[in-house]
Amino acid sequence: PQLLGSDFDFTKEFAQLSVTKALGRSPMTWAHGYRFGLIQVLGGQRLPFDDLFRAGGPNSIRGFDIDGVGPRGSSNLPIGGEAVIVLNQELRYRNERTGLGAAVFWDAGQVFAKVRDIDFDLRHSVGVGLRYDSPVGLLRFDVGFPLARRSDEKTYRFNFGLGQAF
């Protein structure tokens, strides 16, 4: 609140749940993640981009550019939003001896300009990835493919990361 020195009056809630389940005695794991966030702005102000929710990229919806999912401004650049939904499903394989692994995934989500805009018209992507459990941590290389892509979106997106995506 402004009483504490903020330039804006708002509340921001964000919940995240990530679960993994080993599939029997196989080297396969099913991982799923769920994220949901809401911002309530008091006074009708528009928050700065850094305070808004964003989605897309290597740790959310991997078939899209970083922060590329959601509402866009007049220059067609992402502007963020006051609500976000991100769903991730991933089937992981890991070879214990070599530390090499692979994954297939489905990601879905959307950023909404206002809380009242929330619906289930989500953006979807699918993809595959390679994993290596290195001495510095898990190295990840994914390629994601957006489904129902727009004309200004690439047909695929490469993502590199350290650690699991979610």
Protein backbone atom coordinates (compact mmCIF):
# COMPACT_ATOMS: atom_id res chain seq x y z
CA PRO A 1 0.00 0.00 0.00
CA GLN A 2 0.98 3.64 -0.46
CA LEU A 3 0.97 4.00 3.32
CA LEU A 4 4.14 1.85 3.33
CA GLY A 5 5.83 3.85 0.56
CA SER A 6 4.51 2.16 -2.57
CA ASP A 7 3.54 4.20 -5.61
CA PHE A 8 0.56 1.88 -6.18
CA ASP A 9 -2.12 0.24 -4.04
CA PHE A 10 -2.48 -3.43 -5.00
CA THR A 11 -2.45 -6.96 -3.66
CA LYS A 12 -0.80 -9.83 -5.49
CA GLU A 13 -1.45 -13.51 -4.83
CA PHE A 14 0.38 -16.37 -6.48
CA ALA A 15 0.02 -20.10 -5.84
CA GLN A 16 2.21 -22.84 -7.29
CA LEU A 17 2.10 -26.62 -6.94
CA SER A 18 4.65 -28.99 -8.48
CA VAL A 19 4.35 -32.76 -8.07
CA THR A 20 6.45 -35.65 -9.36
CA LYS A 21 5.50 -39.30 -9.34
CA ALA A 22 7.76 -42.23 -10.14
CA LEU A 23 6.11 -44.65 -12.56
CA GLY A 24 6.66 -47.98 -10.82
CA ARG A 25 10.22 -49.23 -10.92
CA SER A 26 10.90 -47.73 -14.33
CA PRO A 27 13.30 -44.81 -14.85
CA MET A 28 10.25 -42.70 -15.81
CA THR A 29 8.73 -39.88 -13.78
CA TRP A 30 5.56 -37.93 -14.39
CA ALA A 31 5.91 -34.30 -13.32
CA HIS A 32 3.12 -31.79 -13.27
CA GLY A 33 2.97 -28.15 -12.27
CA TYR A 34 0.12 -25.73 -11.68
CA ARG A 35 0.44 -21.96 -11.24
CA PHE A 36 -2.28 -19.40 -10.66
CA GLY A 37 -1.92 -15.71 -9.87
CA LEU A 38 -4.18 -12.71 -9.30
CA ILE A 39 -3.57 -9.01 -8.78
CA GLN A 40 -6.20 -6.70 -7.33
CA VAL A 41 -5.38 -3.08 -8.15
CA LEU A 42 -6.98 -0.51 -5.89
CA GLY A 43 -7.71 2.89 -7.41
CA GLY A 44 -7.87 1.75 -11.04
CA GLN A 45 -4.20 2.42 -11.84
CA ARG A 46 -2.22 0.44 -14.41
CA LEU A 47 0.73 -1.25 -12.74
CA PRO A 48 4.23 -1.13 -14.25
CA PHE A 49 5.23 -4.10 -16.42
CA ASP A 50 7.58 -5.44 -13.71
CA ASP A 51 4.68 -5.86 -11.26
CA LEU A 52 2.37 -7.68 -13.71
CA PHE A 53 2.26 -11.40 -14.48
CA ARG A 54 3.98 -12.74 -17.57
CA ALA A 55 4.23 -16.21 -19.17
CA GLY A 56 6.11 -17.88 -21.97
CA GLY A 57 9.65 -19.13 -22.25
CA PRO A 58 11.88 -21.83 -20.77
CA ASN A 59 10.23 -22.03 -17.34
CA SER A 60 6.55 -21.66 -18.20
CA ILE A 61 5.07 -22.24 -21.68
CA ARG A 62 8.10 -23.44 -23.64
CA GLY A 63 6.76 -23.11 -27.18
CA PHE A 64 6.58 -19.32 -26.91
CA ASP A 65 8.98 -16.41 -26.53
CA ILE A 66 9.92 -15.25 -23.05
CA ASP A 67 6.91 -13.26 -21.73
CA GLY A 68 5.28 -13.75 -25.17
CA VAL A 69 1.91 -15.11 -23.99
CA GLY A 70 -0.91 -12.75 -23.10
CA PRO A 71 -2.15 -9.29 -23.99
CA ARG A 72 -0.15 -7.07 -26.30
CA GLY A 73 0.11 -3.31 -26.56
CA SER A 74 -0.24 -1.07 -29.59
CA SER A 75 3.33 -1.91 -30.70
CA ASN A 76 2.45 -5.66 -30.52
CA LEU A 77 4.79 -6.16 -27.53
CA PRO A 78 3.64 -8.13 -24.45
CA ILE A 79 2.26 -5.88 -21.71
CA GLY A 80 1.63 -8.41 -18.92
CA GLY A 81 -1.58 -8.83 -17.00
CA GLU A 82 -3.34 -9.00 -13.66
CA ALA A 83 -4.02 -12.76 -13.81
CA VAL A 84 -2.09 -15.81 -14.96
CA ILE A 85 -2.69 -19.54 -15.35
CA VAL A 86 0.14 -21.95 -16.26
CA LEU A 87 -0.20 -25.75 -16.47
CA ASN A 88 2.73 -28.08 -17.17
CA GLN A 89 2.84 -31.84 -17.73
CA GLU A 90 6.09 -33.65 -18.38
CA LEU A 91 7.11 -37.28 -18.75
CA ARG A 92 10.77 -37.59 -17.74
CA TYR A 93 13.28 -40.38 -18.38
CA ARG A 94 16.64 -40.54 -16.60
CA ASN A 95 19.45 -43.05 -16.97
CA GLU A 96 20.98 -43.43 -13.48
CA ARG A 97 24.38 -44.62 -14.78
CA THR A 98 25.05 -41.86 -17.30
CA GLY A 99 22.97 -38.98 -15.96
CA LEU A 100 21.45 -38.53 -19.42
CA GLY A 101 17.74 -38.15 -19.80
CA ALA A 102 14.90 -36.97 -21.96
CA ALA A 103 11.42 -35.53 -21.59
CA VAL A 104 8.24 -34.99 -23.53
CA PHE A 105 5.99 -32.17 -22.37
CA TRP A 106 2.74 -30.28 -22.75
CA ASP A 107 2.43 -26.73 -21.45
CA ALA A 108 -0.64 -24.52 -21.40
CA GLY A 109 -1.46 -21.13 -19.98
CA GLN A 110 -2.54 -17.58 -20.48
CA VAL A 111 -1.98 -14.12 -19.06
CA PHE A 112 -5.13 -12.01 -18.69
CA ALA A 113 -5.18 -8.21 -18.75
CA LYS A 114 -7.76 -8.07 -15.93
CA VAL A 115 -8.99 -10.65 -13.41
CA ARG A 116 -12.49 -10.39 -14.91
CA ASP A 117 -11.04 -11.62 -18.26
CA ILE A 118 -10.11 -15.09 -16.90
CA ASP A 119 -11.40 -17.92 -19.06
CA PHE A 120 -10.04 -21.22 -20.28
CA ASP A 121 -8.96 -20.05 -23.73
CA LEU A 122 -5.37 -21.08 -23.03
CA ARG A 123 -2.31 -21.16 -25.29
CA HIS A 124 -0.77 -24.63 -25.70
CA SER A 125 2.62 -26.01 -26.66
CA VAL A 126 4.18 -29.45 -26.84
CA GLY A 127 7.77 -30.50 -27.11
CA VAL A 128 10.72 -32.71 -26.30
CA GLY A 129 13.88 -32.18 -24.34
CA LEU A 130 17.27 -33.61 -23.45
CA ARG A 131 18.65 -33.63 -19.91
CA TYR A 132 22.12 -34.10 -18.45
CA ASP A 133 22.71 -34.35 -14.72
CA SER A 134 26.08 -32.55 -14.69
CA PRO A 135 28.36 -31.72 -11.73
CA VAL A 136 26.93 -28.15 -11.73
CA GLY A 137 23.31 -29.32 -11.82
CA LEU A 138 20.75 -30.49 -14.34
CA LEU A 139 21.36 -29.04 -17.80
CA ARG A 140 18.24 -28.85 -19.92
CA PHE A 141 17.69 -28.37 -23.67
CA ASP A 142 14.07 -28.25 -24.86
CA VAL A 143 12.38 -27.56 -28.15
CA GLY A 144 8.78 -26.43 -27.87
CA PHE A 145 6.16 -26.16 -30.60
CA PRO A 146 3.24 -23.75 -30.13
CA LEU A 147 -0.15 -25.16 -31.07
CA ALA A 148 -2.58 -22.87 -32.92
CA ARG A 149 0.24 -20.38 -33.36
CA ARG A 150 -0.32 -16.86 -34.59
CA SER A 151 1.27 -15.59 -37.79
CA ASP A 152 3.89 -13.55 -35.89
CA GLU A 153 4.99 -16.54 -33.76
CA LYS A 154 7.79 -18.96 -34.61
CA THR A 155 6.96 -22.58 -35.42
CA TYR A 156 9.34 -23.76 -32.68
CA ARG A 157 11.41 -22.38 -29.84
CA PHE A 158 14.70 -23.68 -28.40
CA ASN A 159 15.17 -23.32 -24.64
CA PHE A 160 18.24 -23.92 -22.50
CA GLY A 161 18.11 -24.05 -18.75
CA LEU A 162 19.68 -25.13 -15.50
CA GLY A 163 17.41 -27.27 -13.32
CA GLN A 164 13.92 -28.53 -14.11
CA ALA A 165 11.49 -26.20 -15.88
CA PHE A 166 9.09 -26.35 -12.93
